[in-house]
Amino acid sequence: MNATDDREQTIPLGRDAEFTGLIRCKRCNLSYTPSKSTSALRLTYCSFLCELGDLGFSMQGLEHMERVKKSDDRPAEPVSAGSE
């Protein structure tokens, strides 16, 4: 056996295991690891910015959004546009 045979045997079989879980971002088409994504939709977008850019809003922002109550500032009588 020579030195190259020894090196080939000592290389772990799962050294590329982290690359097998890569998926592609729906927006930018880059490969990424879902566990390192900053997006709430980790299996769809590689980052918060891609999620925001594609949807126009972020899921986390939508979860924390509060509904604004409508104020009742309407006039009591209908306003006529014609004669005075």
Protein backbone atom coordinates (compact mmCIF):
# COMPACT_ATOMS: atom_id res chain seq x y z
CA MET A 1 0.00 0.00 0.00
CA ASN A 2 1.24 3.46 -0.78
CA ALA A 3 0.43 6.83 0.89
CA THR A 4 -2.45 7.66 -1.45
CA ASP A 5 -4.27 4.45 -0.58
CA ASP A 6 -4.06 5.30 3.14
CA ARG A 7 -5.52 8.79 2.59
CA GLU A 8 -8.43 7.46 0.58
CA GLN A 9 -9.34 5.06 3.37
CA THR A 10 -9.25 7.72 6.11
CA ILE A 11 -11.65 10.11 4.37
CA PRO A 12 -15.00 9.87 6.14
CA LEU A 13 -17.80 8.51 4.01
CA GLY A 14 -20.25 11.25 5.05
CA ARG A 15 -18.01 14.24 4.34
CA ASP A 16 -20.49 15.59 1.76
CA ALA A 17 -23.52 14.92 3.94
CA GLU A 18 -24.14 18.64 4.53
CA PHE A 19 -24.49 19.21 0.77
CA THR A 20 -27.14 16.56 0.27
CA GLY A 21 -29.71 18.68 2.16
CA LEU A 22 -29.32 21.73 -0.06
CA ILE A 23 -32.41 23.03 -1.79
CA ARG A 24 -32.93 25.99 -4.12
CA CYS A 25 -34.53 29.28 -3.17
CA LYS A 26 -37.81 29.99 -4.97
CA ARG A 27 -36.84 33.61 -5.64
CA CYS A 28 -33.08 33.73 -6.35
CA ASN A 29 -32.56 30.04 -7.26
CA LEU A 30 -29.43 29.73 -5.08
CA SER A 31 -28.71 26.53 -3.17
CA TYR A 32 -28.97 26.88 0.60
CA THR A 33 -29.26 24.88 3.79
CA PRO A 34 -32.75 25.25 5.30
CA SER A 35 -31.39 25.22 8.85
CA LYS A 36 -29.40 28.38 8.12
CA SER A 37 -32.21 30.28 6.41
CA THR A 38 -33.41 33.49 8.08
CA SER A 39 -36.83 33.16 6.46
CA ALA A 40 -39.92 31.95 8.31
CA LEU A 41 -40.59 29.77 5.26
CA ARG A 42 -37.23 27.96 5.45
CA LEU A 43 -38.05 25.33 2.85
CA THR A 44 -38.99 27.95 0.26
CA TYR A 45 -36.65 30.96 0.70
CA CYS A 46 -32.96 31.25 1.56
CA SER A 47 -33.36 34.49 3.50
CA PHE A 48 -35.75 36.99 4.99
CA LEU A 49 -35.04 39.35 2.08
CA CYS A 50 -36.07 36.79 -0.57
CA GLU A 51 -39.26 36.06 1.37
CA LEU A 52 -40.05 39.77 1.65
CA GLY A 53 -39.21 40.44 -1.99
CA ASP A 54 -41.27 37.57 -3.35
CA LEU A 55 -44.35 37.89 -1.15
CA GLY A 56 -44.32 41.65 -0.53
CA PHE A 57 -44.49 40.96 3.22
CA SER A 58 -42.87 38.59 5.69
CA MET A 59 -44.65 35.85 7.58
CA GLN A 60 -43.25 37.08 10.91
CA GLY A 61 -44.45 40.61 10.18
CA LEU A 62 -47.87 39.24 9.33
CA GLU A 63 -48.00 37.27 12.59
CA HIS A 64 -47.28 40.38 14.67
CA MET A 65 -49.52 42.71 12.71
CA GLU A 66 -52.41 44.26 14.65
CA ARG A 67 -55.66 45.30 13.10
CA VAL A 68 -56.37 49.04 13.18
CA LYS A 69 -59.86 49.88 14.35
CA LYS A 70 -61.83 52.09 11.99
CA SER A 71 -62.88 55.39 13.47
CA ASP A 72 -66.49 56.49 13.06
CA ASP A 73 -65.83 60.02 11.69
CA ARG A 74 -68.62 59.96 9.14
CA PRO A 75 -71.01 62.90 9.01
CA ALA A 76 -74.45 62.30 10.53
CA GLU A 77 -76.30 63.52 7.42
CA PRO A 78 -75.44 62.79 3.80
CA VAL A 79 -73.77 65.70 2.06
CA SER A 80 -75.50 66.82 -1.11
CA ALA A 81 -73.39 67.96 -4.01
CA GLY A 82 -76.00 70.12 -5.71
CA SER A 83 -78.21 73.06 -4.74
CA GLU A 84 -77.84 75.32 -1.75
